[in-house]
Amino acid sequence: MWIALLFSSIRFITFNFKTEEPLTVLYHTKKVEINLGYACNAKCPFCYYYDSVITKSNENTLTTEQAKKQLKQAKMLGIQEIEFTGGEVTLRKDLPELITYAKKELGFSIVCLITNGIRLAKRDYVANLVVAGIDDILFSIHGHDAPTHDDLTKVPRSFDHILQAMDHANEFGLRVRTNTVVCKTNFMHLTEIMRLLIRKKVDNINFVMFNPVLQAKNIDIVKEVYVNYADAGREIIKAIQSCEAELPHFNVRYMPFCFLPGYEQYVTNMDQMTFDPDEWDNFTSFRIRKGSLITWLCLIPGILKIPYLPFVARYGFKAVCTAAISRFYVFKDRIKTRSCKKCAYEKVCDYLYRHYHDIYGEADVTPIPGKKVCNPAWIMNAAKIRKPGELPKKIN
């Protein structure tokens, strides 16, 4: 009953308030993650699950049947795309079986995985995943050269392995995407990383700002990993300016808009993820992981915190739920500073992580003047890249 009343209230808000931003062609993401467990063969210091990786405890590993159950639930909830994540999913002997189950038995249109690429350096292994039905691989690459990348992963030759793995994925015609966690070790080399990835003909480049969530916020080395947004923003802008003519699809995640002035179209944060087909439907992912009761308890305050509710409601109740869970994460983990309240992007920004604020404060936050933006996807590139369930054309 209360859910129906809540939906009715949202519809009332939608039809009785107008936003001045023109409606663009947007699609609510139809992708979820299936986290198979925290076990990993690398030890990156910025890992969300660093404690579990180091101690090899509490790995939260799903059995094959548990994973299949989550896949079935995702299908029943209207999801079209699956992304297997961990930990390192290629450590699982049943990964090809799970890919086949998702792609060929349940009929998901796109099946992806996130990997450090170490095992995929073996061409035969990639070939097996292709036969199983993999469509898309998101590689975690954190350096422009072997010394930098290997130092972060703590695995000798991991840089060579991930480059070989990308070549194999391209050979088989897979979509190749990359994540680079921006940290103190690599932020001065972002232009070199971008140029390297362009040479490797990747289809999508993501720069992801380190954020101390889950177990990552408990480790002693956080201050050694964190980079100031202002310093990182300058290097990101340099990289874009150097490579923009050749740049494939590019995102910067977890970076407040004010640190990339003039390049806001590249920012994809929690509020933008609702309309990015490469990002997860946070509502459905949360529901699969945590169950319905906890999800709905988090959803209610999340809906009340959506500052652009009239806009997102036009895309349906599911989009509202996804935005609500995203906003739940924002008010749980972030701080809106005094400067943020003066910014044109106040209603569509992530603000500062609490732990970031504890270290760096808000001195570098410079509010952007202008009318308040109420459309979280008003300028983002990701809203235009593809429709959910359809892969974009492969870069030649």
Protein backbone atom coordinates (compact mmCIF):
# COMPACT_ATOMS: atom_id res chain seq x y z
CA MET A 1 0.00 0.00 0.00
CA TRP A 2 2.67 2.51 1.01
CA ILE A 3 4.60 1.74 -2.17
CA ALA A 4 1.53 2.58 -4.26
CA LEU A 5 1.06 5.82 -2.32
CA LEU A 6 4.70 6.69 -2.83
CA PHE A 7 4.42 6.09 -6.58
CA SER A 8 1.27 8.22 -6.73
CA SER A 9 3.13 11.04 -4.98
CA ILE A 10 5.95 10.79 -7.48
CA ARG A 11 3.48 10.97 -10.38
CA PHE A 12 1.86 14.03 -8.79
CA ILE A 13 5.24 15.75 -8.53
CA THR A 14 6.04 14.81 -12.12
CA PHE A 15 2.91 16.31 -13.63
CA ASN A 16 2.73 19.42 -11.47
CA PHE A 17 6.27 20.72 -11.78
CA LYS A 18 8.19 21.57 -14.91
CA THR A 19 11.91 21.51 -15.52
CA GLU A 20 13.41 23.87 -18.05
CA GLU A 21 15.98 21.39 -19.34
CA PRO A 22 14.88 19.86 -22.67
CA LEU A 23 14.17 16.14 -22.58
CA THR A 24 16.88 14.15 -24.36
CA VAL A 25 16.73 10.53 -25.43
CA LEU A 26 17.80 8.73 -22.27
CA TYR A 27 17.51 5.12 -21.17
CA HIS A 28 17.50 3.70 -17.69
CA THR A 29 20.41 1.27 -17.38
CA LYS A 30 19.54 -2.42 -17.53
CA LYS A 31 22.81 -3.86 -16.19
CA VAL A 32 23.64 -5.40 -12.80
CA GLU A 33 26.74 -6.83 -11.19
CA ILE A 34 27.07 -10.38 -9.93
CA ASN A 35 29.90 -10.32 -7.37
CA LEU A 36 31.32 -13.83 -7.30
CA GLY A 37 33.62 -13.26 -4.31
CA TYR A 38 36.56 -11.22 -3.05
CA ALA A 39 39.39 -13.66 -3.83
CA CYS A 40 42.05 -12.05 -6.04
CA ASN A 41 45.55 -12.76 -7.37
CA ALA A 42 46.57 -9.07 -7.06
CA LYS A 43 46.86 -6.79 -4.03
CA CYS A 44 46.03 -3.29 -5.26
CA PRO A 45 46.10 -0.89 -2.30
CA PHE A 46 42.96 0.95 -3.41
CA CYS A 47 40.84 -2.22 -3.65
CA TYR A 48 37.39 -2.01 -2.07
CA TYR A 49 38.00 -5.44 -0.53
CA TYR A 50 41.65 -5.00 0.42
CA ASP A 51 41.34 -6.56 3.88
CA SER A 52 39.73 -9.72 2.52
CA VAL A 53 42.28 -10.01 -0.30
CA ILE A 54 45.26 -9.65 2.07
CA THR A 55 43.96 -11.92 4.84
CA LYS A 56 42.20 -14.34 2.45
CA SER A 57 39.27 -14.31 4.86
CA ASN A 58 35.62 -13.35 4.50
CA GLU A 59 35.85 -13.70 0.73
CA ASN A 60 32.06 -13.81 0.43
CA THR A 61 32.38 -16.39 -2.35
CA LEU A 62 29.18 -17.48 -4.07
CA THR A 63 28.71 -21.12 -4.96
CA THR A 64 27.83 -21.93 -8.54
CA GLU A 65 24.21 -22.45 -7.56
CA GLN A 66 24.06 -19.22 -5.58
CA ALA A 67 25.44 -17.33 -8.57
CA LYS A 68 22.88 -18.94 -10.86
CA LYS A 69 20.12 -18.02 -8.42
CA GLN A 70 21.19 -14.38 -8.54
CA LEU A 71 21.27 -14.52 -12.33
CA LYS A 72 17.72 -15.90 -12.40
CA GLN A 73 16.57 -13.16 -10.05
CA ALA A 74 18.17 -10.50 -12.25
CA LYS A 75 16.36 -11.90 -15.27
CA MET A 76 13.01 -11.87 -13.46
CA LEU A 77 13.63 -8.24 -12.49
CA GLY A 78 13.94 -7.18 -16.12
CA ILE A 79 17.73 -6.91 -16.38
CA GLN A 80 19.29 -7.28 -19.85
CA GLU A 81 23.02 -7.16 -19.11
CA ILE A 82 25.22 -8.96 -16.57
CA GLU A 83 28.68 -7.96 -15.35
CA PHE A 84 30.62 -10.55 -13.37
CA THR A 85 32.88 -8.93 -10.80
CA GLY A 86 34.87 -9.70 -7.68
CA GLY A 87 37.65 -10.04 -6.53
CA GLU A 88 39.08 -11.58 -9.66
CA VAL A 89 36.43 -13.61 -11.47
CA THR A 90 38.88 -15.50 -13.68
CA LEU A 91 40.04 -17.47 -10.62
CA ARG A 92 36.70 -19.27 -10.77
CA LYS A 93 36.76 -22.61 -12.54
CA ASP A 94 33.04 -22.28 -13.17
CA LEU A 95 33.28 -18.87 -14.90
CA PRO A 96 32.75 -20.28 -18.42
CA GLU A 97 29.77 -22.26 -17.09
CA LEU A 98 28.26 -19.13 -15.52
CA ILE A 99 28.80 -17.10 -18.69
CA THR A 100 27.10 -19.80 -20.77
CA TYR A 101 24.24 -20.02 -18.29
CA ALA A 102 23.70 -16.26 -18.39
CA LYS A 103 24.06 -15.87 -22.16
CA LYS A 104 22.62 -19.04 -23.64
CA GLU A 105 20.21 -20.38 -21.04
CA LEU A 106 18.78 -17.20 -19.50
CA GLY A 107 19.23 -15.11 -22.63
CA PHE A 108 20.93 -11.99 -21.32
CA SER A 109 21.80 -9.83 -24.31
CA ILE A 110 25.25 -8.79 -23.06
CA VAL A 111 27.56 -10.58 -20.62
CA CYS A 112 30.63 -8.76 -19.29
CA LEU A 113 33.37 -9.36 -16.78
CA ILE A 114 35.81 -7.17 -14.87
CA THR A 115 39.37 -8.48 -14.67
CA ASN A 116 43.00 -7.62 -13.99
CA GLY A 117 43.84 -9.51 -17.19
CA ILE A 118 46.46 -11.83 -15.71
CA ARG A 119 44.75 -15.08 -16.74
CA LEU A 120 43.52 -13.61 -20.01
CA ALA A 121 47.12 -13.29 -21.18
CA LYS A 122 46.61 -16.90 -22.30
CA ARG A 123 44.86 -16.79 -25.66
CA ASP A 124 43.25 -20.22 -25.21
CA TYR A 125 41.55 -19.03 -22.03
CA VAL A 126 40.08 -16.01 -23.82
CA ALA A 127 38.94 -18.33 -26.62
CA ASN A 128 37.10 -20.47 -24.06
CA LEU A 129 35.30 -17.41 -22.68
CA VAL A 130 34.31 -16.40 -26.21
CA VAL A 131 32.83 -19.85 -26.84
CA ALA A 132 30.97 -19.54 -23.53
CA GLY A 133 29.41 -16.27 -24.72
CA ILE A 134 31.36 -13.33 -23.31
CA ASP A 135 30.73 -10.02 -25.10
CA ASP A 136 32.57 -7.34 -23.19
CA ILE A 137 35.63 -7.19 -20.93
CA LEU A 138 36.46 -4.36 -18.52
CA PHE A 139 40.20 -4.40 -17.78
CA SER A 140 41.74 -2.80 -14.69
CA ILE A 141 44.93 -1.04 -15.82
CA HIS A 142 46.58 1.43 -13.46
CA GLY A 143 49.89 2.42 -15.00
CA HIS A 144 51.46 3.64 -18.21
CA ASP A 145 54.39 1.24 -17.83
CA ALA A 146 55.36 -1.97 -16.08
CA PRO A 147 57.06 -0.42 -13.03
CA THR A 148 53.99 1.69 -12.19
CA HIS A 149 51.29 -0.90 -12.88
CA ASP A 150 53.18 -3.82 -11.33
CA ASP A 151 53.95 -1.79 -8.21
CA LEU A 152 50.24 -1.12 -7.71
CA THR A 153 49.06 -4.68 -8.36
CA LYS A 154 52.02 -6.23 -6.49
CA VAL A 155 52.26 -8.82 -9.28
CA PRO A 156 55.40 -8.98 -11.48
CA ARG A 157 54.66 -8.84 -15.23
CA SER A 158 50.98 -7.99 -14.62
CA PHE A 159 51.39 -5.03 -17.01
CA ASP A 160 52.66 -7.28 -19.79
CA HIS A 161 49.85 -9.71 -19.10
CA ILE A 162 47.06 -7.14 -19.30
CA LEU A 163 48.38 -5.74 -22.59
CA GLN A 164 48.47 -9.26 -24.04
CA ALA A 165 44.96 -9.85 -22.73
CA MET A 166 43.67 -6.70 -24.45
CA ASP A 167 45.22 -7.84 -27.73
CA HIS A 168 43.48 -11.21 -27.41
CA ALA A 169 40.14 -9.58 -26.64
CA ASN A 170 40.47 -7.30 -29.66
CA GLU A 171 41.47 -10.25 -31.84
CA PHE A 172 38.19 -11.99 -30.94
CA GLY A 173 36.16 -8.85 -31.61
CA LEU A 174 35.13 -8.31 -27.99
CA ARG A 175 34.27 -4.90 -26.64
CA VAL A 176 37.25 -3.71 -24.59
CA ARG A 177 36.81 -1.21 -21.77
CA THR A 178 39.27 -0.09 -19.11
CA ASN A 179 39.21 1.22 -15.56
CA THR A 180 42.16 3.21 -14.20
CA VAL A 181 42.01 4.13 -10.52
CA VAL A 182 43.52 7.61 -10.26
CA CYS A 183 45.85 7.77 -7.25
CA LYS A 184 49.07 9.41 -6.09
CA THR A 185 51.19 6.81 -7.87
CA ASN A 186 49.80 7.36 -11.36
CA PHE A 187 48.02 10.74 -11.58
CA MET A 188 51.02 12.48 -13.15
CA HIS A 189 50.97 9.90 -15.97
CA LEU A 190 47.32 10.04 -17.05
CA THR A 191 48.18 11.40 -20.49
CA GLU A 192 50.58 8.50 -21.07
CA ILE A 193 47.95 6.02 -19.87
CA MET A 194 45.36 7.55 -22.20
CA ARG A 195 47.72 7.43 -25.17
CA LEU A 196 48.60 3.81 -24.41
CA LEU A 197 44.92 2.81 -24.33
CA ILE A 198 44.21 4.64 -27.57
CA ARG A 199 47.07 2.69 -29.19
CA LYS A 200 45.54 -0.52 -27.85
CA LYS A 201 42.26 0.42 -29.57
CA VAL A 202 40.09 0.16 -26.49
CA ASP A 203 36.43 1.08 -26.88
CA ASN A 204 35.91 2.85 -23.57
CA ILE A 205 38.28 4.48 -21.06
CA ASN A 206 37.27 5.14 -17.47
CA PHE A 207 39.34 7.17 -15.02
CA VAL A 208 38.02 6.34 -11.56
CA MET A 209 38.92 8.53 -8.61
CA PHE A 210 39.99 6.52 -5.58
CA ASN A 211 37.19 6.48 -3.03
CA PRO A 212 37.51 4.95 0.44
CA VAL A 213 34.44 2.77 0.75
CA LEU A 214 33.89 -0.67 2.24
CA GLN A 215 37.18 -2.11 3.49
CA ALA A 216 39.35 0.42 1.64
CA LYS A 217 38.54 3.10 4.21
CA ASN A 218 40.05 1.02 7.03
CA ILE A 219 43.56 0.56 5.69
CA ASP A 220 46.53 2.58 6.90
CA ILE A 221 47.72 3.46 3.42
CA VAL A 222 44.68 5.55 2.42
CA LYS A 223 46.63 8.80 2.76
CA GLU A 224 49.33 7.39 0.50
CA VAL A 225 46.75 6.50 -2.16
CA TYR A 226 44.46 9.53 -2.11
CA VAL A 227 45.21 12.30 -4.60
CA ASN A 228 43.81 15.78 -4.32
CA TYR A 229 40.95 16.34 -6.78
CA ALA A 230 42.39 19.66 -7.90
CA ASP A 231 45.76 18.08 -8.77
CA ALA A 232 44.12 15.11 -10.48
CA GLY A 233 41.65 17.34 -12.32
CA ARG A 234 44.45 19.37 -13.88
CA GLU A 235 46.14 16.20 -15.14
CA ILE A 236 42.86 14.79 -16.47
CA ILE A 237 42.22 18.01 -18.40
CA LYS A 238 45.76 17.85 -19.82
CA ALA A 239 45.14 14.27 -20.94
CA ILE A 240 41.84 15.17 -22.60
CA GLN A 241 43.34 18.17 -24.37
CA SER A 242 46.27 16.07 -25.60
CA CYS A 243 44.16 13.16 -26.88
CA GLU A 244 40.62 14.45 -27.48
CA ALA A 245 40.77 14.14 -31.28
CA GLU A 246 41.49 10.40 -30.96
CA LEU A 247 39.66 9.70 -27.73
CA PRO A 248 37.15 6.84 -27.67
CA HIS A 249 34.25 7.00 -25.24
CA PHE A 250 35.67 8.40 -21.98
CA ASN A 251 34.36 8.80 -18.44
CA VAL A 252 35.65 10.23 -15.19
CA ARG A 253 33.93 8.74 -12.16
CA TYR A 254 33.59 10.08 -8.60
CA MET A 255 34.99 13.53 -9.47
CA PRO A 256 32.93 16.60 -8.46
CA PHE A 257 32.05 18.62 -11.56
CA CYS A 258 33.78 21.78 -10.34
CA PHE A 259 37.20 20.13 -10.68
CA LEU A 260 36.70 19.59 -14.43
CA PRO A 261 35.32 22.97 -15.56
CA GLY A 262 34.65 22.97 -19.28
CA TYR A 263 34.84 19.17 -19.43
CA GLU A 264 31.73 18.27 -17.44
CA GLN A 265 30.47 16.07 -20.29
CA TYR A 266 33.02 13.45 -19.30
CA VAL A 267 31.85 13.12 -15.69
CA THR A 268 29.73 10.12 -14.69
CA ASN A 269 28.96 10.01 -10.97
CA MET A 270 26.25 8.33 -8.91
CA ASP A 271 23.46 10.55 -10.24
CA GLN A 272 24.54 10.04 -13.85
CA MET A 273 24.83 6.24 -13.56
CA THR A 274 21.07 5.82 -13.78
CA PHE A 275 21.35 6.86 -17.43
CA ASP A 276 24.65 5.17 -18.32
CA PRO A 277 24.07 1.74 -19.91
CA ASP A 278 27.61 0.67 -18.94
CA GLU A 279 26.92 1.29 -15.24
CA TRP A 280 24.88 -0.82 -12.84
CA ASP A 281 21.25 -0.44 -11.92
CA ASN A 282 22.06 0.24 -8.27
CA PHE A 283 18.52 -0.53 -7.13
CA THR A 284 18.38 -4.00 -8.66
CA SER A 285 22.00 -4.83 -7.76
CA PHE A 286 21.32 -3.76 -4.17
CA ARG A 287 18.12 -5.80 -4.05
CA ILE A 288 19.85 -8.95 -5.31
CA ARG A 289 22.69 -8.57 -2.78
CA LYS A 290 20.80 -7.36 0.28
CA GLY A 291 17.25 -8.62 -0.17
CA SER A 292 13.97 -6.75 -0.54
CA LEU A 293 13.47 -5.60 3.07
CA ILE A 294 16.81 -3.80 3.46
CA THR A 295 16.47 -2.38 -0.06
CA TRP A 296 13.09 -0.81 0.60
CA LEU A 297 14.27 0.58 3.95
CA CYS A 298 17.15 2.32 2.16
CA LEU A 299 14.96 3.33 -0.76
CA ILE A 300 12.56 5.53 1.21
CA PRO A 301 15.15 8.03 2.52
CA GLY A 302 16.88 7.82 -0.86
CA ILE A 303 13.73 8.97 -2.68
CA LEU A 304 13.30 11.83 -0.23
CA LYS A 305 16.87 12.92 -1.00
CA ILE A 306 16.56 12.98 -4.81
CA PRO A 307 16.95 16.69 -5.71
CA TYR A 308 15.83 16.14 -9.32
CA LEU A 309 12.80 13.93 -8.64
CA PRO A 310 10.47 15.60 -11.20
CA PHE A 311 13.00 14.88 -13.93
CA VAL A 312 13.82 11.25 -13.12
CA ALA A 313 10.17 10.34 -12.50
CA ARG A 314 9.51 10.82 -16.21
CA TYR A 315 11.54 7.67 -16.83
CA GLY A 316 9.44 5.46 -14.61
CA PHE A 317 9.37 4.10 -11.10
CA LYS A 318 12.38 1.83 -11.71
CA ALA A 319 14.50 4.81 -12.68
CA VAL A 320 13.34 6.60 -9.52
CA CYS A 321 14.35 3.58 -7.44
CA THR A 322 17.78 3.44 -9.07
CA ALA A 323 18.31 7.15 -8.49
CA ALA A 324 17.11 6.74 -4.89
CA ILE A 325 19.66 4.05 -4.05
CA SER A 326 22.36 6.14 -5.72
CA ARG A 327 21.32 9.12 -3.57
CA PHE A 328 21.31 6.86 -0.50
CA TYR A 329 25.00 6.20 -1.15
CA VAL A 330 25.61 9.93 -1.61
CA PHE A 331 24.12 11.09 1.68
CA LYS A 332 25.65 8.11 3.51
CA ASP A 333 29.23 8.61 2.29
CA ARG A 334 29.54 12.25 1.14
CA ILE A 335 29.55 15.79 2.49
CA LYS A 336 27.91 18.76 0.78
CA THR A 337 30.14 21.72 1.60
CA ARG A 338 29.11 25.35 1.91
CA SER A 339 30.64 25.96 -1.52
CA CYS A 340 28.66 23.06 -3.00
CA LYS A 341 25.42 24.75 -1.99
CA LYS A 342 26.36 27.77 -4.12
CA CYS A 343 27.17 25.71 -7.23
CA ALA A 344 25.04 25.35 -10.36
CA TYR A 345 25.65 21.58 -10.14
CA GLU A 346 24.49 21.19 -6.52
CA LYS A 347 21.51 19.00 -7.42
CA VAL A 348 23.40 16.59 -9.70
CA CYS A 349 26.81 16.18 -8.02
CA ASP A 350 28.34 13.66 -5.59
CA TYR A 351 30.09 16.30 -3.48
CA LEU A 352 33.10 15.17 -1.41
CA TYR A 353 33.69 11.82 0.25
CA ARG A 354 33.78 12.23 4.02
CA HIS A 355 37.25 10.70 4.26
CA TYR A 356 38.49 12.94 1.45
CA HIS A 357 37.13 15.95 3.32
CA ASP A 358 38.91 14.80 6.49
CA ILE A 359 42.24 14.80 4.61
CA TYR A 360 41.95 17.69 2.15
CA GLY A 361 39.03 19.77 3.39
CA GLU A 362 37.08 21.98 0.99
CA ALA A 363 39.55 24.74 0.17
CA ASP A 364 39.79 23.66 -3.50
CA VAL A 365 36.02 23.47 -4.04
CA THR A 366 35.09 26.32 -6.39
CA PRO A 367 31.34 26.67 -7.04
CA ILE A 368 30.30 27.04 -10.66
CA PRO A 369 28.02 30.07 -11.12
CA GLY A 370 24.72 29.84 -12.93
CA LYS A 371 21.21 28.44 -12.77
CA LYS A 372 20.78 25.18 -10.86
CA VAL A 373 20.94 22.13 -13.15
CA CYS A 374 18.11 19.66 -12.46
CA ASN A 375 18.81 17.11 -15.19
CA PRO A 376 21.63 14.78 -14.01
CA ALA A 377 22.37 13.74 -17.61
CA TRP A 378 22.20 17.24 -19.09
CA ILE A 379 25.61 17.01 -20.74
CA MET A 380 27.04 13.54 -20.11
CA ASN A 381 28.52 11.54 -22.99
CA ALA A 382 27.39 8.22 -21.55
CA ALA A 383 23.72 9.03 -22.12
CA LYS A 384 24.34 8.92 -25.87
CA ILE A 385 26.71 5.97 -26.28
CA ARG A 386 24.21 3.14 -26.80
CA LYS A 387 20.88 1.67 -25.77
CA PRO A 388 20.76 -0.91 -22.98
CA GLY A 389 21.13 -4.40 -24.42
CA GLU A 390 22.84 -3.19 -27.61
CA LEU A 391 26.60 -3.02 -28.03
CA PRO A 392 28.00 0.00 -29.91
CA LYS A 393 29.97 -0.54 -33.09
CA LYS A 394 33.46 -1.86 -32.55
CA ILE A 395 36.32 0.61 -33.12
CA ASN A 396 38.43 -0.41 -36.10
